[in-house]
Amino acid sequence: MEIHKEIDTRGLNCPLPILKAKKALADMASGQLLRVVATDSGSVRDFQAFAKQTGNELVEQQTVGGEFIHVLRRR
């Protein structure tokens, strides 16, 4: 999987990871992948809802240690 952009939102709480992801996606081309690394456990459900609301595809979510990794495909 080729990631086109990655943002680090460690230490930030809702809604900042979503807002930063939204801003990053706005600068990307359709089909490109964005990886977001977060430490907020609420980000798991937040990114699921964000993907449904915006039409961007949530390709992958995983938990590694205390970090939550979300991969979104720009619509």
PDB file of N, CA and C in Angstrom:
ATOM      1  N   MET A   1       0.847  -1.178   0.000  1.00  0.00           N
ATOM      2  CA  MET A   1       0.000   0.000   0.000  1.00  0.00           C
ATOM      3  C   MET A   1       0.895   1.244   0.000  1.00  0.00           C
ATOM      4  N   GLU A   2       0.718   2.079  -0.999  1.00  0.00           N
ATOM      5  CA  GLU A   2       1.544   3.288  -1.109  1.00  0.00           C
ATOM      6  C   GLU A   2       0.841   4.467  -0.439  1.00  0.00           C
ATOM      7  N   ILE A   3       1.411   4.950   0.658  1.00  0.00           N
ATOM      8  CA  ILE A   3       0.865   6.090   1.382  1.00  0.00           C
ATOM      9  C   ILE A   3       1.408   7.366   0.743  1.00  0.00           C
ATOM     10  N   HIS A   4       0.528   8.288   0.398  1.00  0.00           N
ATOM     11  CA  HIS A   4       0.939   9.529  -0.257  1.00  0.00           C
ATOM     12  C   HIS A   4       1.235  10.644   0.732  1.00  0.00           C
ATOM     13  N   LYS A   5       0.579  10.594   1.901  1.00  0.00           N
ATOM     14  CA  LYS A   5       0.799  11.619   2.912  1.00  0.00           C
ATOM     15  C   LYS A   5       0.523  11.007   4.280  1.00  0.00           C
ATOM     16  N   GLU A   6       1.290  11.428   5.276  1.00  0.00           N
ATOM     17  CA  GLU A   6       1.070  10.947   6.647  1.00  0.00           C
ATOM     18  C   GLU A   6       1.038  12.145   7.581  1.00  0.00           C
ATOM     19  N   ILE A   7       0.072  12.119   8.506  1.00  0.00           N
ATOM     20  CA  ILE A   7       0.021  13.176   9.516  1.00  0.00           C
ATOM     21  C   ILE A   7       0.068  12.555  10.903  1.00  0.00           C
ATOM     22  N   ASP A   8       0.732  13.255  11.790  1.00  0.00           N
ATOM     23  CA  ASP A   8       0.922  12.801  13.166  1.00  0.00           C
ATOM     24  C   ASP A   8       0.017  13.632  14.067  1.00  0.00           C
ATOM     25  N   THR A   9      -0.998  12.977  14.649  1.00  0.00           N
ATOM     26  CA  THR A   9      -1.901  13.691  15.551  1.00  0.00           C
ATOM     27  C   THR A   9      -1.778  13.136  16.973  1.00  0.00           C
ATOM     28  N   ARG A  10      -0.619  12.555  17.275  1.00  0.00           N
ATOM     29  CA  ARG A  10      -0.399  12.019  18.627  1.00  0.00           C
ATOM     30  C   ARG A  10      -0.554  13.138  19.654  1.00  0.00           C
ATOM     31  N   GLY A  11      -1.256  12.832  20.754  1.00  0.00           N
ATOM     32  CA  GLY A  11      -1.431  13.803  21.828  1.00  0.00           C
ATOM     33  C   GLY A  11      -2.602  14.747  21.613  1.00  0.00           C
ATOM     34  N   LEU A  12      -3.222  14.697  20.436  1.00  0.00           N
ATOM     35  CA  LEU A  12      -4.373  15.565  20.164  1.00  0.00           C
ATOM     36  C   LEU A  12      -5.670  14.800  20.403  1.00  0.00           C
ATOM     37  N   ASN A  13      -6.662  15.480  20.935  1.00  0.00           N
ATOM     38  CA  ASN A  13      -7.958  14.856  21.178  1.00  0.00           C
ATOM     39  C   ASN A  13      -8.997  15.378  20.199  1.00  0.00           C
ATOM     40  N   CYS A  14     -10.080  14.648  20.104  1.00  0.00           N
ATOM     41  CA  CYS A  14     -11.198  15.009  19.241  1.00  0.00           C
ATOM     42  C   CYS A  14     -11.582  16.470  19.476  1.00  0.00           C
ATOM     43  N   PRO A  15     -11.826  17.234  18.438  1.00  0.00           N
ATOM     44  CA  PRO A  15     -11.928  16.842  17.026  1.00  0.00           C
ATOM     45  C   PRO A  15     -10.666  17.131  16.216  1.00  0.00           C
ATOM     46  N   LEU A  16      -9.550  17.427  16.865  1.00  0.00           N
ATOM     47  CA  LEU A  16      -8.350  17.839  16.128  1.00  0.00           C
ATOM     48  C   LEU A  16      -7.821  16.815  15.123  1.00  0.00           C
ATOM     49  N   PRO A  17      -7.756  15.505  15.443  1.00  0.00           N
ATOM     50  CA  PRO A  17      -7.278  14.558  14.416  1.00  0.00           C
ATOM     51  C   PRO A  17      -8.138  14.585  13.145  1.00  0.00           C
ATOM     52  N   ILE A  18      -9.453  14.686  13.320  1.00  0.00           N
ATOM     53  CA  ILE A  18     -10.361  14.744  12.167  1.00  0.00           C
ATOM     54  C   ILE A  18     -10.139  16.029  11.373  1.00  0.00           C
ATOM     55  N   LEU A  19     -10.015  17.155  12.068  1.00  0.00           N
ATOM     56  CA  LEU A  19      -9.821  18.432  11.383  1.00  0.00           C
ATOM     57  C   LEU A  19      -8.521  18.456  10.591  1.00  0.00           C
ATOM     58  N   LYS A  20      -7.456  17.903  11.181  1.00  0.00           N
ATOM     59  CA  LYS A  20      -6.170  17.850  10.483  1.00  0.00           C
ATOM     60  C   LYS A  20      -6.249  16.918   9.274  1.00  0.00           C
ATOM     61  N   ALA A  21      -6.974  15.807   9.420  1.00  0.00           N
ATOM     62  CA  ALA A  21      -7.142  14.867   8.302  1.00  0.00           C
ATOM     63  C   ALA A  21      -7.947  15.519   7.179  1.00  0.00           C
ATOM     64  N   LYS A  22      -8.991  16.241   7.545  1.00  0.00           N
ATOM     65  CA  LYS A  22      -9.828  16.917   6.546  1.00  0.00           C
ATOM     66  C   LYS A  22      -8.997  17.923   5.739  1.00  0.00           C
ATOM     67  N   LYS A  23      -8.163  18.679   6.449  1.00  0.00           N
ATOM     68  CA  LYS A  23      -7.305  19.667   5.791  1.00  0.00           C
ATOM     69  C   LYS A  23      -6.297  18.973   4.863  1.00  0.00           C
ATOM     70  N   ALA A  24      -5.694  17.876   5.333  1.00  0.00           N
ATOM     71  CA  ALA A  24      -4.712  17.146   4.519  1.00  0.00           C
ATOM     72  C   ALA A  24      -5.371  16.560   3.263  1.00  0.00           C
ATOM     73  N   LEU A  25      -6.568  15.990   3.418  1.00  0.00           N
ATOM     74  CA  LEU A  25      -7.266  15.381   2.286  1.00  0.00           C
ATOM     75  C   LEU A  25      -7.620  16.425   1.223  1.00  0.00           C
ATOM     76  N   ALA A  26      -7.899  17.645   1.655  1.00  0.00           N
ATOM     77  CA  ALA A  26      -8.266  18.715   0.714  1.00  0.00           C
ATOM     78  C   ALA A  26      -7.125  19.021  -0.261  1.00  0.00           C
ATOM     79  N   ASP A  27      -5.892  18.764   0.158  1.00  0.00           N
ATOM     80  CA  ASP A  27      -4.724  19.040  -0.679  1.00  0.00           C
ATOM     81  C   ASP A  27      -4.264  17.833  -1.497  1.00  0.00           C
ATOM     82  N   MET A  28      -5.033  16.745  -1.439  1.00  0.00           N
ATOM     83  CA  MET A  28      -4.623  15.512  -2.108  1.00  0.00           C
ATOM     84  C   MET A  28      -5.504  15.242  -3.331  1.00  0.00           C
ATOM     85  N   ALA A  29      -4.980  14.446  -4.243  1.00  0.00           N
ATOM     86  CA  ALA A  29      -5.732  14.064  -5.439  1.00  0.00           C
ATOM     87  C   ALA A  29      -6.630  12.868  -5.137  1.00  0.00           C
ATOM     88  N   SER A  30      -7.675  12.734  -5.913  1.00  0.00           N
ATOM     89  CA  SER A  30      -8.599  11.619  -5.763  1.00  0.00           C
ATOM     90  C   SER A  30      -7.851  10.287  -5.865  1.00  0.00           C
ATOM     91  N   GLY A  31      -8.133   9.370  -4.934  1.00  0.00           N
ATOM     92  CA  GLY A  31      -7.507   8.047  -4.943  1.00  0.00           C
ATOM     93  C   GLY A  31      -6.243   7.949  -4.121  1.00  0.00           C
ATOM     94  N   GLN A  32      -5.679   9.087  -3.712  1.00  0.00           N
ATOM     95  CA  GLN A  32      -4.459   9.036  -2.907  1.00  0.00           C
ATOM     96  C   GLN A  32      -4.778   8.606  -1.472  1.00  0.00           C
ATOM     97  N   LEU A  33      -3.755   8.048  -0.800  1.00  0.00           N
ATOM     98  CA  LEU A  33      -3.933   7.526   0.555  1.00  0.00           C
ATOM     99  C   LEU A  33      -3.290   8.426   1.599  1.00  0.00           C
ATOM    100  N   LEU A  34      -4.036   8.624   2.684  1.00  0.00           N
ATOM    101  CA  LEU A  34      -3.578   9.412   3.831  1.00  0.00           C
ATOM    102  C   LEU A  34      -3.522   8.504   5.044  1.00  0.00           C
ATOM    103  N   ARG A  35      -2.370   8.506   5.733  1.00  0.00           N
ATOM    104  CA  ARG A  35      -2.249   7.762   6.997  1.00  0.00           C
ATOM    105  C   ARG A  35      -2.263   8.776   8.135  1.00  0.00           C
ATOM    106  N   VAL A  36      -3.120   8.503   9.127  1.00  0.00           N
ATOM    107  CA  VAL A  36      -3.213   9.362  10.305  1.00  0.00           C
ATOM    108  C   VAL A  36      -2.817   8.518  11.516  1.00  0.00           C
ATOM    109  N   VAL A  37      -1.844   8.999  12.292  1.00  0.00           N
ATOM    110  CA  VAL A  37      -1.428   8.321  13.521  1.00  0.00           C
ATOM    111  C   VAL A  37      -1.971   9.141  14.684  1.00  0.00           C
ATOM    112  N   ALA A  38      -2.772   8.496  15.542  1.00  0.00           N
ATOM    113  CA  ALA A  38      -3.413   9.184  16.660  1.00  0.00           C
ATOM    114  C   ALA A  38      -3.217   8.404  17.961  1.00  0.00           C
ATOM    115  N   THR A  39      -3.369   9.093  19.080  1.00  0.00           N
ATOM    116  CA  THR A  39      -3.326   8.431  20.383  1.00  0.00           C
ATOM    117  C   THR A  39      -4.686   8.502  21.086  1.00  0.00           C
ATOM    118  N   ASP A  40      -5.639   9.199  20.503  1.00  0.00           N
ATOM    119  CA  ASP A  40      -6.984   9.323  21.067  1.00  0.00           C
ATOM    120  C   ASP A  40      -7.796   8.082  20.700  1.00  0.00           C
ATOM    121  N   SER A  41      -8.195   7.295  21.714  1.00  0.00           N
ATOM    122  CA  SER A  41      -8.936   6.057  21.437  1.00  0.00           C
ATOM    123  C   SER A  41     -10.273   6.343  20.754  1.00  0.00           C
ATOM    124  N   GLY A  42     -10.820   7.519  20.976  1.00  0.00           N
ATOM    125  CA  GLY A  42     -12.069   7.896  20.322  1.00  0.00           C
ATOM    126  C   GLY A  42     -11.920   8.095  18.828  1.00  0.00           C
ATOM    127  N   SER A  43     -10.676   8.211  18.365  1.00  0.00           N
ATOM    128  CA  SER A  43     -10.453   8.447  16.933  1.00  0.00           C
ATOM    129  C   SER A  43     -10.914   7.269  16.083  1.00  0.00           C
ATOM    130  N   VAL A  44     -10.978   6.066  16.675  1.00  0.00           N
ATOM    131  CA  VAL A  44     -11.410   4.892  15.905  1.00  0.00           C
ATOM    132  C   VAL A  44     -12.836   5.110  15.397  1.00  0.00           C
ATOM    133  N   ARG A  45     -13.753   5.417  16.293  1.00  0.00           N
ATOM    134  CA  ARG A  45     -15.140   5.639  15.849  1.00  0.00           C
ATOM    135  C   ARG A  45     -15.284   6.973  15.106  1.00  0.00           C
ATOM    136  N   ASP A  46     -14.487   7.966  15.485  1.00  0.00           N
ATOM    137  CA  ASP A  46     -14.550   9.260  14.806  1.00  0.00           C
ATOM    138  C   ASP A  46     -14.213   9.122  13.319  1.00  0.00           C
ATOM    139  N   PHE A  47     -13.159   8.360  13.001  1.00  0.00           N
ATOM    140  CA  PHE A  47     -12.770   8.210  11.597  1.00  0.00           C
ATOM    141  C   PHE A  47     -13.764   7.349  10.824  1.00  0.00           C
ATOM    142  N   GLN A  48     -14.419   6.397  11.491  1.00  0.00           N
ATOM    143  CA  GLN A  48     -15.465   5.611  10.832  1.00  0.00           C
ATOM    144  C   GLN A  48     -16.618   6.528  10.424  1.00  0.00           C
ATOM    145  N   ALA A  49     -17.031   7.395  11.336  1.00  0.00           N
ATOM    146  CA  ALA A  49     -18.122   8.333  11.056  1.00  0.00           C
ATOM    147  C   ALA A  49     -17.701   9.354   9.998  1.00  0.00           C
ATOM    148  N   PHE A  50     -16.467   9.844  10.106  1.00  0.00           N
ATOM    149  CA  PHE A  50     -15.947  10.830   9.147  1.00  0.00           C
ATOM    150  C   PHE A  50     -15.981  10.265   7.726  1.00  0.00           C
ATOM    151  N   ALA A  51     -15.536   9.022   7.567  1.00  0.00           N
ATOM    152  CA  ALA A  51     -15.508   8.398   6.241  1.00  0.00           C
ATOM    153  C   ALA A  51     -16.921   8.289   5.667  1.00  0.00           C
ATOM    154  N   LYS A  52     -17.880   7.866   6.485  1.00  0.00           N
ATOM    155  CA  LYS A  52     -19.266   7.742   6.015  1.00  0.00           C
ATOM    156  C   LYS A  52     -19.830   9.101   5.605  1.00  0.00           C
ATOM    157  N   GLN A  53     -19.552  10.125   6.395  1.00  0.00           N
ATOM    158  CA  GLN A  53     -20.117  11.451   6.142  1.00  0.00           C
ATOM    159  C   GLN A  53     -19.501  12.131   4.924  1.00  0.00           C
ATOM    160  N   THR A  54     -18.220  11.881   4.656  1.00  0.00           N
ATOM    161  CA  THR A  54     -17.524  12.616   3.595  1.00  0.00           C
ATOM    162  C   THR A  54     -17.392  11.841   2.291  1.00  0.00           C
ATOM    163  N   GLY A  55     -17.625  10.536   2.319  1.00  0.00           N
ATOM    164  CA  GLY A  55     -17.477   9.735   1.110  1.00  0.00           C
ATOM    165  C   GLY A  55     -16.048   9.278   0.848  1.00  0.00           C
ATOM    166  N   ASN A  56     -15.123   9.642   1.753  1.00  0.00           N
ATOM    167  CA  ASN A  56     -13.759   9.110   1.651  1.00  0.00           C
ATOM    168  C   ASN A  56     -13.781   7.682   2.185  1.00  0.00           C
ATOM    169  N   GLU A  57     -12.940   6.822   1.621  1.00  0.00           N
ATOM    170  CA  GLU A  57     -12.930   5.414   2.028  1.00  0.00           C
ATOM    171  C   GLU A  57     -11.956   5.190   3.181  1.00  0.00           C
ATOM    172  N   LEU A  58     -12.445   4.540   4.235  1.00  0.00           N
ATOM    173  CA  LEU A  58     -11.578   4.140   5.339  1.00  0.00           C
ATOM    174  C   LEU A  58     -11.007   2.779   4.962  1.00  0.00           C
ATOM    175  N   VAL A  59      -9.766   2.779   4.495  1.00  0.00           N
ATOM    176  CA  VAL A  59      -9.143   1.578   3.945  1.00  0.00           C
ATOM    177  C   VAL A  59      -8.713   0.627   5.057  1.00  0.00           C
ATOM    178  N   GLU A  60      -8.188   1.189   6.145  1.00  0.00           N
ATOM    179  CA  GLU A  60      -7.614   0.350   7.202  1.00  0.00           C
ATOM    180  C   GLU A  60      -7.603   1.104   8.520  1.00  0.00           C
ATOM    181  N   GLN A  61      -7.818   0.349   9.603  1.00  0.00           N
ATOM    182  CA  GLN A  61      -7.620   0.881  10.957  1.00  0.00           C
ATOM    183  C   GLN A  61      -6.885  -0.197  11.740  1.00  0.00           C
ATOM    184  N   GLN A  62      -5.879   0.225  12.495  1.00  0.00           N
ATOM    185  CA  GLN A  62      -5.187  -0.732  13.349  1.00  0.00           C
ATOM    186  C   GLN A  62      -4.689  -0.042  14.604  1.00  0.00           C
ATOM    187  N   THR A  63      -4.549  -0.866  15.645  1.00  0.00           N
ATOM    188  CA  THR A  63      -4.025  -0.374  16.912  1.00  0.00           C
ATOM    189  C   THR A  63      -2.658  -0.994  17.124  1.00  0.00           C
ATOM    190  N   VAL A  64      -1.662  -0.143  17.334  1.00  0.00           N
ATOM    191  CA  VAL A  64      -0.301  -0.608  17.569  1.00  0.00           C
ATOM    192  C   VAL A  64       0.158   0.020  18.880  1.00  0.00           C
ATOM    193  N   GLY A  65       0.253  -0.804  19.919  1.00  0.00           N
ATOM    194  CA  GLY A  65       0.569  -0.260  21.235  1.00  0.00           C
ATOM    195  C   GLY A  65      -0.544   0.684  21.649  1.00  0.00           C
ATOM    196  N   GLY A  66      -0.203   1.913  21.990  1.00  0.00           N
ATOM    197  CA  GLY A  66      -1.208   2.899  22.361  1.00  0.00           C
ATOM    198  C   GLY A  66      -1.555   3.847  21.228  1.00  0.00           C
ATOM    199  N   GLU A  67      -1.205   3.454  19.996  1.00  0.00           N
ATOM    200  CA  GLU A  67      -1.459   4.321  18.842  1.00  0.00           C
ATOM    201  C   GLU A  67      -2.512   3.709  17.924  1.00  0.00           C
ATOM    202  N   PHE A  68      -3.282   4.583  17.328  1.00  0.00           N
ATOM    203  CA  PHE A  68      -4.344   4.171  16.420  1.00  0.00           C
ATOM    204  C   PHE A  68      -3.998   4.710  15.036  1.00  0.00           C
ATOM    205  N   ILE A  69      -3.925   3.800  14.076  1.00  0.00           N
ATOM    206  CA  ILE A  69      -3.509   4.175  12.721  1.00  0.00           C
ATOM    207  C   ILE A  69      -4.719   4.028  11.795  1.00  0.00           C
ATOM    208  N   HIS A  70      -4.993   5.109  11.075  1.00  0.00           N
ATOM    209  CA  HIS A  70      -6.132   5.145  10.160  1.00  0.00           C
ATOM    210  C   HIS A  70      -5.600   5.462   8.764  1.00  0.00           C
ATOM    211  N   VAL A  71      -6.082   4.711   7.770  1.00  0.00           N
ATOM    212  CA  VAL A  71      -5.687   4.975   6.386  1.00  0.00           C
ATOM    213  C   VAL A  71      -6.958   5.303   5.609  1.00  0.00           C
ATOM    214  N   LEU A  72      -6.969   6.488   5.012  1.00  0.00           N
ATOM    215  CA  LEU A  72      -8.114   6.965   4.240  1.00  0.00           C
ATOM    216  C   LEU A  72      -7.728   7.142   2.779  1.00  0.00           C
ATOM    217  N   ARG A  73      -8.677   6.787   1.899  1.00  0.00           N
ATOM    218  CA  ARG A  73      -8.486   7.017   0.453  1.00  0.00           C
ATOM    219  C   ARG A  73      -9.342   8.222   0.069  1.00  0.00           C
ATOM    220  N   ARG A  74      -8.694   9.214  -0.531  1.00  0.00           N
ATOM    221  CA  ARG A  74      -9.395  10.445  -0.939  1.00  0.00           C
ATOM    222  C   ARG A  74     -10.415  10.104  -2.003  1.00  0.00           C
ATOM    223  N   ARG A  75     -11.626  10.593  -1.835  1.00  0.00           N
ATOM    224  CA  ARG A  75     -12.696  10.315  -2.824  1.00  0.00           C
ATOM    225  C   ARG A  75     -12.466  11.078  -4.112  1.00  0.00           C
TER     226      ARG A  75
END
